[in-house]
N, C-alpha and C. Protein backbone atom coordinates (compact mmCIF):
# COMPACT_ATOMS: atom_id res chain seq x y z
N MET A 1 101.15 114.70 114.13
CA MET A 1 101.02 113.82 113.01
C MET A 1 100.12 112.61 112.90
N ALA A 2 99.53 112.48 113.98
CA ALA A 2 98.95 111.37 114.27
C ALA A 2 97.14 112.05 114.37
N GLY A 3 96.15 110.74 114.30
CA GLY A 3 94.99 111.09 114.55
C GLY A 3 94.35 111.35 112.92
N PRO A 4 93.15 112.00 112.89
CA PRO A 4 92.20 111.87 111.70
C PRO A 4 92.95 112.91 110.50
N ASP A 5 93.99 113.79 110.90
CA ASP A 5 94.76 114.50 110.19
C ASP A 5 96.05 114.04 109.69
N GLY A 6 96.35 113.24 110.55
CA GLY A 6 98.01 112.75 110.38
C GLY A 6 98.00 111.37 109.71
N VAL A 7 98.77 110.38 110.33
CA VAL A 7 99.03 109.05 109.76
C VAL A 7 98.23 108.22 110.74
N ILE A 8 97.18 107.49 109.97
CA ILE A 8 96.44 106.65 110.46
C ILE A 8 96.63 105.16 110.34
N PRO A 9 97.16 104.58 111.62
CA PRO A 9 97.28 103.23 111.53
C PRO A 9 96.15 102.17 111.11
N THR A 10 96.58 101.51 110.03
CA THR A 10 95.25 100.82 109.23
C THR A 10 95.85 98.97 109.38
N ARG A 11 95.37 98.03 109.64
CA ARG A 11 95.73 96.81 109.56
C ARG A 11 95.46 96.24 108.45
N GLY A 12 96.28 95.90 107.78
CA GLY A 12 95.93 94.86 106.37
C GLY A 12 96.55 93.57 106.77
N GLN A 13 95.70 92.58 105.75
CA GLN A 13 95.80 91.24 105.85
C GLN A 13 95.96 90.67 104.53
N VAL A 14 96.94 89.89 104.33
CA VAL A 14 97.48 89.02 103.33
C VAL A 14 97.62 87.69 103.31
N MET A 15 97.34 87.16 102.15
CA MET A 15 97.37 85.51 102.19
C MET A 15 98.04 85.10 100.96
N ALA A 16 99.03 83.98 100.86
CA ALA A 16 99.34 83.25 99.95
C ALA A 16 98.56 82.16 99.88
N ILE A 17 97.87 81.97 98.65
CA ILE A 17 96.78 80.92 98.28
C ILE A 17 97.20 80.22 96.67
N ARG A 18 97.21 79.00 96.53
CA ARG A 18 97.79 78.34 95.41
C ARG A 18 96.48 78.55 94.45
N ALA A 19 96.65 78.72 93.12
CA ALA A 19 95.54 78.79 92.35
C ALA A 19 95.37 77.43 91.59
N ALA A 20 94.15 77.18 91.50
CA ALA A 20 93.56 75.59 90.89
C ALA A 20 94.13 75.30 89.52
N ALA A 21 94.63 76.49 88.62
CA ALA A 21 94.83 76.54 87.25
C ALA A 21 96.24 76.81 87.04
N PRO A 22 96.71 76.20 85.98
CA PRO A 22 98.18 76.58 85.72
C PRO A 22 98.23 78.17 85.39
N LEU A 23 99.74 78.65 85.55
CA LEU A 23 99.99 80.11 85.36
C LEU A 23 99.59 80.59 84.14
N SER A 24 99.64 79.80 83.18
CA SER A 24 99.25 80.35 81.81
C SER A 24 97.70 80.67 81.35
N GLU A 25 96.70 80.09 82.55
CA GLU A 25 95.58 80.45 82.60
C GLU A 25 95.10 81.44 83.57
N VAL A 26 95.91 81.68 84.69
CA VAL A 26 95.72 82.91 85.82
C VAL A 26 96.13 84.04 85.57
N THR A 27 97.02 84.23 84.49
CA THR A 27 97.95 85.43 84.10
C THR A 27 98.88 85.62 84.80
N LYS A 28 99.76 86.68 84.24
CA LYS A 28 101.10 86.90 85.21
C LYS A 28 101.21 88.39 85.42
N VAL A 29 99.98 88.99 85.53
CA VAL A 29 100.25 90.48 86.15
C VAL A 29 99.29 90.60 87.51
N GLY A 30 99.51 91.54 88.29
CA GLY A 30 98.65 91.99 89.23
C GLY A 30 97.35 92.52 88.70
N TRP A 31 96.43 92.42 89.75
CA TRP A 31 95.29 92.94 89.52
C TRP A 31 94.42 93.54 90.80
N SER A 32 93.87 94.55 90.71
CA SER A 32 92.91 94.97 92.25
C SER A 32 91.55 95.10 91.62
N GLY A 33 90.61 94.70 92.61
CA GLY A 33 89.49 94.77 92.26
C GLY A 33 88.59 95.22 93.65
N ASN A 34 87.06 95.12 93.15
CA ASN A 34 86.32 95.84 94.47
C ASN A 34 86.74 97.11 94.98
N GLU A 35 87.06 97.85 94.10
CA GLU A 35 87.47 99.20 94.55
C GLU A 35 88.71 99.61 95.09
N GLY A 36 89.53 98.66 94.77
CA GLY A 36 90.87 98.62 95.39
C GLY A 36 90.67 97.91 96.64
N PHE A 37 89.70 97.42 97.07
CA PHE A 37 89.72 96.61 98.60
C PHE A 37 90.39 95.41 98.57
N GLU A 38 90.59 94.74 97.18
CA GLU A 38 91.37 93.48 97.23
C GLU A 38 92.21 93.81 95.85
N TYR A 39 93.48 93.09 96.11
CA TYR A 39 94.62 93.26 95.19
C TYR A 39 95.23 92.04 95.23
N TRP A 40 95.74 91.62 94.25
CA TRP A 40 96.69 90.17 94.04
C TRP A 40 97.39 90.11 92.87
N PHE A 41 98.42 89.31 92.86
CA PHE A 41 99.31 88.87 91.85
C PHE A 41 99.75 87.64 92.18
N PRO A 42 100.22 87.14 90.68
CA PRO A 42 100.59 85.68 91.10
C PRO A 42 102.01 85.53 91.22
N ARG A 43 102.74 84.67 91.81
CA ARG A 43 104.27 84.52 92.12
C ARG A 43 104.89 83.76 91.00
N PRO A 44 106.12 84.11 90.65
CA PRO A 44 106.43 83.03 89.34
C PRO A 44 106.54 81.95 90.06
N LEU A 45 106.58 80.96 88.83
CA LEU A 45 106.78 79.36 89.21
C LEU A 45 108.14 79.33 89.80
N THR A 46 108.19 78.17 90.70
CA THR A 46 109.40 77.93 91.35
C THR A 46 110.35 77.29 90.16
N HIS A 47 109.91 76.57 89.41
CA HIS A 47 110.36 75.81 88.55
C HIS A 47 110.01 76.38 87.11
N PRO A 48 110.52 77.38 86.59
CA PRO A 48 110.02 77.91 85.09
C PRO A 48 110.34 77.11 83.93
N SER A 49 111.28 76.04 84.10
CA SER A 49 111.66 75.52 82.98
C SER A 49 110.50 74.33 82.79
N ILE A 50 109.78 73.91 83.78
CA ILE A 50 109.00 72.86 83.76
C ILE A 50 107.73 73.18 82.73
N SER A 51 107.44 72.16 81.81
CA SER A 51 106.30 72.66 81.03
C SER A 51 105.06 73.01 81.54
N ASP A 52 104.42 73.67 80.97
CA ASP A 52 102.81 74.27 81.33
C ASP A 52 101.94 73.21 81.49
N HIS A 53 102.44 72.01 80.68
CA HIS A 53 101.06 70.91 80.46
C HIS A 53 101.38 69.55 81.71
N SER A 54 102.57 69.77 82.49
CA SER A 54 102.82 68.83 83.57
C SER A 54 101.61 69.22 84.77
N GLU A 55 101.44 68.32 85.62
CA GLU A 55 100.40 68.30 86.82
C GLU A 55 101.14 68.71 88.05
N GLY A 56 100.17 69.15 89.11
CA GLY A 56 100.98 69.20 90.20
C GLY A 56 100.95 70.96 90.78
N ASP A 57 101.21 70.89 91.74
CA ASP A 57 101.56 72.33 92.42
C ASP A 57 102.47 73.03 91.66
N ASP A 58 103.58 72.47 91.06
CA ASP A 58 104.68 73.24 90.41
C ASP A 58 104.12 74.27 89.07
N GLN A 59 103.09 73.96 88.81
CA GLN A 59 102.43 74.60 87.53
C GLN A 59 101.35 75.40 87.98
N ARG A 60 100.94 75.40 89.10
CA ARG A 60 100.00 76.17 89.96
C ARG A 60 100.60 77.51 90.87
N PRO A 61 100.38 78.48 90.39
CA PRO A 61 101.03 79.74 90.96
C PRO A 61 100.57 79.86 92.37
N VAL A 62 101.64 80.36 93.36
CA VAL A 62 101.01 80.95 94.69
C VAL A 62 100.61 82.33 94.07
N VAL A 63 99.16 82.54 94.44
CA VAL A 63 98.90 84.13 94.52
C VAL A 63 99.10 84.60 95.77
N ILE A 64 99.48 86.03 95.85
CA ILE A 64 99.63 86.98 96.97
C ILE A 64 98.23 87.94 96.85
N LEU A 65 97.49 87.61 98.10
CA LEU A 65 95.75 88.26 98.00
C LEU A 65 95.92 89.21 98.99
N GLY A 66 95.69 90.21 99.09
CA GLY A 66 95.33 91.26 100.14
C GLY A 66 94.27 92.02 99.95
N GLY A 67 93.50 92.41 101.05
CA GLY A 67 92.59 93.06 101.25
C GLY A 67 91.28 92.41 102.21
N GLY A 68 90.04 92.62 102.01
CA GLY A 68 89.07 91.93 102.95
C GLY A 68 88.67 92.79 104.00
N ARG A 69 89.46 94.05 104.04
CA ARG A 69 89.17 95.12 104.88
C ARG A 69 87.65 95.47 105.08
N GLU A 70 86.84 95.45 103.97
CA GLU A 70 85.52 95.82 103.77
C GLU A 70 84.43 94.69 104.75
N ALA A 71 85.09 93.81 105.22
CA ALA A 71 84.33 92.79 105.97
C ALA A 71 84.37 93.34 107.16
N MET A 72 85.11 94.41 107.52
CA MET A 72 85.24 94.86 109.10
C MET A 72 84.55 96.24 109.08
N MET A 73 83.57 96.70 108.32
CA MET A 73 82.96 97.92 108.15
C MET A 73 82.23 97.87 109.86
N PRO A 74 82.13 99.45 110.12
CA PRO A 74 82.37 100.13 109.65
C PRO A 74 83.78 100.87 109.56
N SER A 75 84.74 100.03 110.35
CA SER A 75 86.09 100.66 110.94
C SER A 75 86.76 100.55 109.58
N TYR A 76 86.80 99.34 109.00
CA TYR A 76 87.48 99.15 107.63
C TYR A 76 89.13 98.85 108.25
N GLU A 77 89.34 98.37 109.47
CA GLU A 77 90.68 98.15 110.26
C GLU A 77 91.54 99.56 110.49
N LEU A 78 90.80 100.67 110.12
CA LEU A 78 91.44 102.05 110.55
C LEU A 78 91.87 102.25 112.06
N TYR A 79 92.64 102.57 112.29
CA TYR A 79 92.98 102.86 113.93
C TYR A 79 93.34 101.55 114.51
N GLU A 80 93.50 100.59 113.72
CA GLU A 80 93.88 99.14 114.30
C GLU A 80 95.42 98.91 114.11
N ALA A 81 96.29 99.01 115.17
CA ALA A 81 97.53 98.78 114.94
C ALA A 81 98.31 97.65 115.76
N ASP A 82 97.35 96.64 115.93
CA ASP A 82 97.82 95.35 116.31
C ASP A 82 97.77 94.38 115.25
N ASP A 83 98.83 93.77 114.85
CA ASP A 83 99.14 92.94 113.67
C ASP A 83 99.74 91.71 114.29
N SER A 84 99.39 91.22 115.58
CA SER A 84 100.06 89.91 115.95
C SER A 84 98.88 88.82 115.73
N THR A 85 97.97 89.19 115.08
CA THR A 85 96.93 88.10 114.79
C THR A 85 96.17 88.22 113.40
N VAL A 86 95.62 87.44 112.77
CA VAL A 86 94.91 87.41 111.71
C VAL A 86 93.33 87.73 111.88
N ASP A 87 92.75 88.03 111.39
CA ASP A 87 91.07 88.35 111.44
C ASP A 87 90.23 87.43 110.90
N LYS A 88 89.59 86.34 111.54
CA LYS A 88 88.75 85.33 110.71
C LYS A 88 87.77 85.89 110.10
N LYS A 89 86.97 87.24 110.20
CA LYS A 89 86.21 87.78 108.89
C LYS A 89 86.77 88.16 108.05
N VAL A 90 88.04 88.71 107.98
CA VAL A 90 88.62 89.10 107.07
C VAL A 90 89.23 88.08 105.86
N GLY A 91 89.84 87.09 106.81
CA GLY A 91 90.21 85.98 106.11
C GLY A 91 89.46 85.06 105.21
N GLU A 92 87.98 84.99 105.82
CA GLU A 92 86.79 84.48 105.15
C GLU A 92 86.37 85.20 103.95
N ALA A 93 86.39 86.40 104.08
CA ALA A 93 86.27 87.34 102.90
C ALA A 93 86.98 87.25 101.66
N MET A 94 88.33 87.24 102.03
CA MET A 94 89.52 86.65 101.29
C MET A 94 89.51 85.55 100.55
N ARG A 95 89.09 84.09 101.18
CA ARG A 95 88.72 82.97 100.67
C ARG A 95 87.97 82.93 99.94
N LYS A 96 86.65 83.79 99.90
CA LYS A 96 85.68 83.55 98.88
C LYS A 96 85.95 84.64 97.88
N PHE A 97 86.78 85.56 97.70
CA PHE A 97 86.85 86.30 96.78
C PHE A 97 87.42 85.68 95.23
N LEU A 98 88.72 85.47 95.22
CA LEU A 98 89.16 84.85 93.92
C LEU A 98 88.24 83.69 93.29
N PRO A 99 87.79 82.87 94.34
CA PRO A 99 86.81 81.81 93.31
C PRO A 99 85.49 82.26 92.83
N ALA A 100 85.16 83.38 93.50
CA ALA A 100 83.84 84.21 93.05
C ALA A 100 84.33 84.82 91.75
N VAL A 101 85.45 85.49 91.59
CA VAL A 101 85.56 86.27 90.50
C VAL A 101 86.51 85.57 89.35
N PHE A 102 86.93 84.39 89.60
CA PHE A 102 87.58 83.61 88.78
C PHE A 102 87.19 82.21 89.05
N PRO A 103 85.99 81.74 88.92
CA PRO A 103 85.34 80.40 89.03
C PRO A 103 86.22 79.48 88.17
N GLY A 104 86.64 78.37 88.54
CA GLY A 104 87.64 77.24 88.19
C GLY A 104 88.90 77.36 88.44
N LYS A 105 89.37 78.59 88.39
CA LYS A 105 90.83 78.87 88.69
C LYS A 105 91.29 79.01 90.20
N TYR A 106 90.41 79.30 90.80
CA TYR A 106 90.73 78.97 92.42
C TYR A 106 89.46 78.31 92.93
N GLU A 107 89.91 77.12 94.09
CA GLU A 107 89.33 76.32 94.56
C GLU A 107 88.38 77.09 96.10
N ILE A 108 86.91 77.03 95.84
CA ILE A 108 86.22 76.97 97.22
C ILE A 108 86.77 76.58 98.08
N GLY A 109 86.85 76.84 99.30
CA GLY A 109 87.35 75.93 100.38
C GLY A 109 89.02 75.82 100.50
N ARG A 110 89.82 76.26 99.81
CA ARG A 110 91.05 75.90 99.74
C ARG A 110 91.75 76.90 100.70
N GLU A 111 92.47 76.36 101.58
CA GLU A 111 93.32 77.06 102.88
C GLU A 111 94.56 77.61 102.06
N PRO A 112 94.67 78.63 102.42
CA PRO A 112 96.08 79.72 102.35
C PRO A 112 97.52 78.86 102.73
N GLU A 113 98.46 78.88 102.00
CA GLU A 113 99.57 78.24 102.40
C GLU A 113 100.27 79.17 103.67
N MET A 114 100.03 80.45 103.43
CA MET A 114 100.41 81.56 104.59
C MET A 114 99.58 82.59 104.81
N GLU A 115 99.25 83.02 105.70
CA GLU A 115 98.40 84.20 106.02
C GLU A 115 98.96 85.31 107.41
N TRP A 116 99.02 86.36 106.98
CA TRP A 116 99.65 87.44 107.81
C TRP A 116 99.24 88.69 107.84
N THR A 117 99.43 89.58 108.61
CA THR A 117 98.74 90.88 108.86
C THR A 117 99.98 91.94 108.92
N GLY A 118 99.93 92.91 108.69
CA GLY A 118 100.87 94.10 108.96
C GLY A 118 100.17 95.47 109.06
N ILE A 119 100.80 96.75 109.45
CA ILE A 119 100.18 97.87 109.73
C ILE A 119 100.63 98.70 108.63
N MET A 120 99.25 99.32 107.87
CA MET A 120 99.86 100.56 106.81
C MET A 120 99.70 101.76 107.47
N GLY A 121 100.22 102.69 106.89
CA GLY A 121 100.17 104.05 107.46
C GLY A 121 99.04 104.88 106.30
N PHE A 122 97.62 105.19 106.62
CA PHE A 122 96.86 105.64 105.77
C PHE A 122 96.68 107.26 106.06
N THR A 123 96.60 108.09 105.30
CA THR A 123 96.32 109.69 105.26
C THR A 123 94.92 109.96 105.09
N LYS A 124 94.41 111.07 105.36
CA LYS A 124 93.22 111.47 104.73
C LYS A 124 93.14 111.82 103.47
N THR A 125 94.06 112.20 103.04
CA THR A 125 94.07 112.54 101.51
C THR A 125 95.06 111.41 100.50
N GLY A 126 95.20 110.71 101.15
CA GLY A 126 96.04 109.40 100.46
C GLY A 126 97.39 109.55 100.04
N ASP A 127 98.03 110.53 100.51
CA ASP A 127 99.28 111.30 100.12
C ASP A 127 100.08 111.14 101.45
N PRO A 128 101.41 110.60 101.27
CA PRO A 128 102.42 110.59 102.48
C PRO A 128 102.82 111.99 103.11
N PHE A 129 103.09 111.90 104.41
CA PHE A 129 103.70 113.07 104.80
C PHE A 129 105.27 113.14 104.61
N VAL A 130 105.75 113.70 103.92
CA VAL A 130 107.30 113.93 103.83
C VAL A 130 108.09 115.33 104.22
N GLY A 131 108.90 115.50 105.10
CA GLY A 131 109.82 116.52 105.72
C GLY A 131 109.93 116.35 107.18
N PRO A 132 110.15 117.64 107.55
CA PRO A 132 110.11 117.89 109.00
C PRO A 132 109.26 117.55 109.77
N VAL A 133 109.19 116.74 110.94
CA VAL A 133 108.09 116.38 111.68
C VAL A 133 107.42 117.88 112.25
N LYS A 134 106.19 117.96 112.24
CA LYS A 134 105.64 119.22 112.92
C LYS A 134 104.63 118.81 113.66
N PHE A 135 104.65 119.79 114.69
CA PHE A 135 103.26 119.55 115.85
C PHE A 135 101.99 120.19 115.31
N ALA A 136 100.91 119.90 115.71
CA ALA A 136 99.67 120.69 115.45
C ALA A 136 99.75 122.17 115.43
N SER A 137 100.56 122.67 116.36
CA SER A 137 100.78 124.07 116.33
C SER A 137 101.57 124.63 115.49
N GLY A 138 101.87 123.70 114.57
CA GLY A 138 102.87 124.17 113.11
C GLY A 138 104.45 124.39 113.35
N LYS A 139 104.89 124.26 114.62
CA LYS A 139 106.19 124.00 114.91
C LYS A 139 106.74 123.02 114.42
N THR A 140 108.09 122.97 114.20
CA THR A 140 108.73 121.79 113.79
C THR A 140 109.62 121.13 114.97
N LEU A 141 109.95 119.97 114.89
CA LEU A 141 110.64 119.08 115.74
C LEU A 141 112.05 119.14 115.09
N GLU A 142 113.05 119.80 115.66
CA GLU A 142 114.34 120.02 115.01
C GLU A 142 114.91 118.81 115.29
N GLY A 143 115.67 118.44 113.54
CA GLY A 143 116.50 117.50 113.56
C GLY A 143 115.55 116.37 113.34
N GLN A 144 114.47 116.20 113.35
CA GLN A 144 113.41 114.92 113.12
C GLN A 144 112.63 115.04 111.92
N PHE A 145 112.39 114.05 111.09
CA PHE A 145 112.20 114.13 109.64
C PHE A 145 111.21 112.88 109.76
N ILE A 146 110.22 112.75 108.65
CA ILE A 146 109.36 111.75 108.54
C ILE A 146 109.01 111.44 106.82
N SER A 147 108.90 110.33 106.79
CA SER A 147 108.57 109.54 105.34
C SER A 147 107.44 108.66 105.79
N ALA A 148 106.33 108.95 105.70
CA ALA A 148 104.97 107.88 106.19
C ALA A 148 103.75 108.34 105.77
N GLY A 149 102.89 107.37 105.80
CA GLY A 149 101.41 107.65 105.40
C GLY A 149 101.42 107.31 103.92
N PHE A 150 101.62 106.62 103.51
CA PHE A 150 101.65 105.90 102.02
C PHE A 150 100.48 105.11 101.50
N SER A 151 99.41 105.15 102.67
CA SER A 151 97.96 104.69 102.35
C SER A 151 98.06 103.40 101.42
N GLY A 152 98.73 102.29 101.65
CA GLY A 152 98.95 101.23 101.12
C GLY A 152 99.73 101.11 99.89
N HIS A 153 100.33 102.33 99.38
CA HIS A 153 101.08 102.48 98.14
C HIS A 153 102.76 103.09 98.29
N GLY A 154 102.94 102.10 99.40
CA GLY A 154 104.45 102.40 99.82
C GLY A 154 105.48 102.15 98.60
N MET A 155 105.39 100.99 98.23
CA MET A 155 106.49 100.62 97.32
C MET A 155 106.54 101.19 96.04
N PRO A 156 105.75 101.83 95.17
CA PRO A 156 106.15 102.94 94.58
C PRO A 156 106.34 104.20 94.73
N ARG A 157 106.02 104.85 96.04
CA ARG A 157 106.77 105.89 96.48
C ARG A 157 107.60 105.95 97.49
N ALA A 158 107.97 105.04 98.31
CA ALA A 158 108.49 105.16 99.47
C ALA A 158 110.12 105.63 99.20
N PHE A 159 110.59 105.01 98.25
CA PHE A 159 112.24 105.16 97.55
C PHE A 159 112.39 106.75 97.48
N ALA A 160 111.55 107.00 96.58
CA ALA A 160 111.52 108.66 95.83
C ALA A 160 111.58 109.46 97.43
N CYS A 161 110.48 109.26 98.38
CA CYS A 161 110.23 110.09 99.58
C CYS A 161 111.49 109.99 100.27
N ALA A 162 112.08 108.63 100.56
CA ALA A 162 113.37 108.42 101.29
C ALA A 162 114.55 109.14 100.88
N GLU A 163 114.49 109.40 99.45
CA GLU A 163 115.39 110.48 98.81
C GLU A 163 115.56 111.57 99.23
N VAL A 164 114.05 112.32 99.20
CA VAL A 164 114.01 113.44 99.76
C VAL A 164 114.26 113.66 100.99
N VAL A 165 113.81 112.65 101.90
CA VAL A 165 114.24 112.80 103.37
C VAL A 165 115.74 112.91 103.73
N ALA A 166 116.49 112.09 102.78
CA ALA A 166 117.80 111.84 103.32
C ALA A 166 118.35 113.08 102.69
N GLY A 167 118.19 113.66 101.52
CA GLY A 167 118.46 115.19 101.11
C GLY A 167 118.43 116.33 102.15
N MET A 168 117.13 116.24 102.68
CA MET A 168 116.90 117.28 104.05
C MET A 168 117.77 117.02 105.06
N VAL A 169 118.10 115.95 105.52
CA VAL A 169 118.77 115.25 106.54
C VAL A 169 120.48 115.90 106.39
N VAL A 170 121.10 115.60 105.00
CA VAL A 170 122.40 116.12 104.71
C VAL A 170 122.36 117.60 104.68
N CYS A 171 121.20 118.24 104.25
CA CYS A 171 121.52 119.68 104.32
C CYS A 171 121.24 120.22 105.60
N ASP A 172 120.57 119.63 106.54
CA ASP A 172 120.28 120.06 107.89
C ASP A 172 121.75 119.79 108.77
N MET A 173 122.21 118.73 108.35
CA MET A 173 123.62 118.84 109.20
C MET A 173 124.59 119.47 108.61
N ARG A 174 124.65 119.84 107.45
CA ARG A 174 125.44 120.66 106.59
C ARG A 174 125.50 122.13 106.96
N GLY A 175 124.21 122.64 107.55
CA GLY A 175 123.71 124.06 107.51
C GLY A 175 123.41 124.55 106.11
N GLU A 176 122.83 123.69 105.09
CA GLU A 176 122.72 124.05 103.94
C GLU A 176 121.16 124.37 103.45
N THR A 177 120.70 125.01 102.72
CA THR A 177 119.20 124.99 102.41
C THR A 177 119.04 124.09 101.37
N TRP A 178 117.85 123.28 101.65
CA TRP A 178 117.37 122.14 100.93
C TRP A 178 116.62 122.53 99.90
N ALA A 179 116.84 121.98 98.53
CA ALA A 179 116.10 122.40 97.38
C ALA A 179 115.30 121.62 97.12
N VAL A 180 113.61 121.88 96.81
CA VAL A 180 112.68 120.78 96.21
C VAL A 180 113.05 119.96 95.12
N PRO A 181 113.02 119.00 94.87
CA PRO A 181 113.17 118.43 93.37
C PRO A 181 112.28 118.63 92.76
N GLU A 182 112.33 118.86 91.46
CA GLU A 182 111.08 119.10 90.49
C GLU A 182 109.96 118.33 90.49
N TRP A 183 110.55 116.59 90.80
CA TRP A 183 109.48 115.83 90.43
C TRP A 183 108.99 115.35 91.77
N LEU A 184 108.97 116.28 92.73
CA LEU A 184 108.35 115.95 94.00
C LEU A 184 106.98 116.68 94.00
N PRO A 185 105.86 116.09 94.29
CA PRO A 185 104.41 116.74 94.64
C PRO A 185 104.67 117.61 95.82
N LEU A 186 104.44 118.90 95.67
CA LEU A 186 104.67 119.90 96.80
C LEU A 186 103.79 119.24 97.82
N HIS A 187 102.31 118.94 97.57
CA HIS A 187 101.65 118.51 98.87
C HIS A 187 101.87 117.27 99.55
N TYR A 188 103.06 116.62 99.28
CA TYR A 188 103.60 115.67 100.24
C TYR A 188 104.49 116.34 101.23
N LEU A 189 105.11 117.60 101.03
CA LEU A 189 106.02 118.34 102.16
C LEU A 189 104.91 118.61 103.33
N THR A 190 105.54 118.08 104.61
CA THR A 190 104.78 118.66 105.72
C THR A 190 105.03 120.19 106.14
N THR A 191 105.78 121.04 105.22
CA THR A 191 106.10 122.25 105.49
C THR A 191 104.68 123.00 104.64
N GLU A 192 104.17 122.32 103.69
CA GLU A 192 103.18 122.84 102.73
C GLU A 192 101.61 122.32 103.16
N ARG A 193 101.61 121.48 104.32
CA ARG A 193 100.29 121.43 104.85
C ARG A 193 99.81 122.13 105.80
N LYS A 194 98.69 122.44 105.99
CA LYS A 194 98.07 123.42 107.17
C LYS A 194 97.64 122.56 108.30
């Protein structure tokens, strides 16, 4: 379940950077741009009771910005499993992104308050692997299950996929037959993959 037909480790880089404008001008929703390579959302203000008309950092939200992998073409950070350092090229691309898209709302040259990396599991289809662990031969590894390869979309998918795997584990331990939930896309299942 590794390699080009399995789960591909992919380094993602994220930063927390303060906007130059108040939350009322930045918007309160998340966005993505550049064909999904960049994604960002403002954090709620620390002190929401403070009037939007006051000055200072309390009124300018910290924005969580991720992306910049296109700066690492042609690899896009695919097969990169080291998250111990941030990449300067990726960081530079991210620092330029918001000021270019929203002039005046983000300062050119402003340094992030924090910057970090993490490893995402990507798949060729963009869909996760859910179910018994399978070898390339098609044989399953008894008692071992997987829920991985969310291709950067783990938050909306991971909990439901974990519920599926937990159900599989319980059925396996009890010697019962597991039934596929109606809501689960069948192509997520390792047993349905060729």
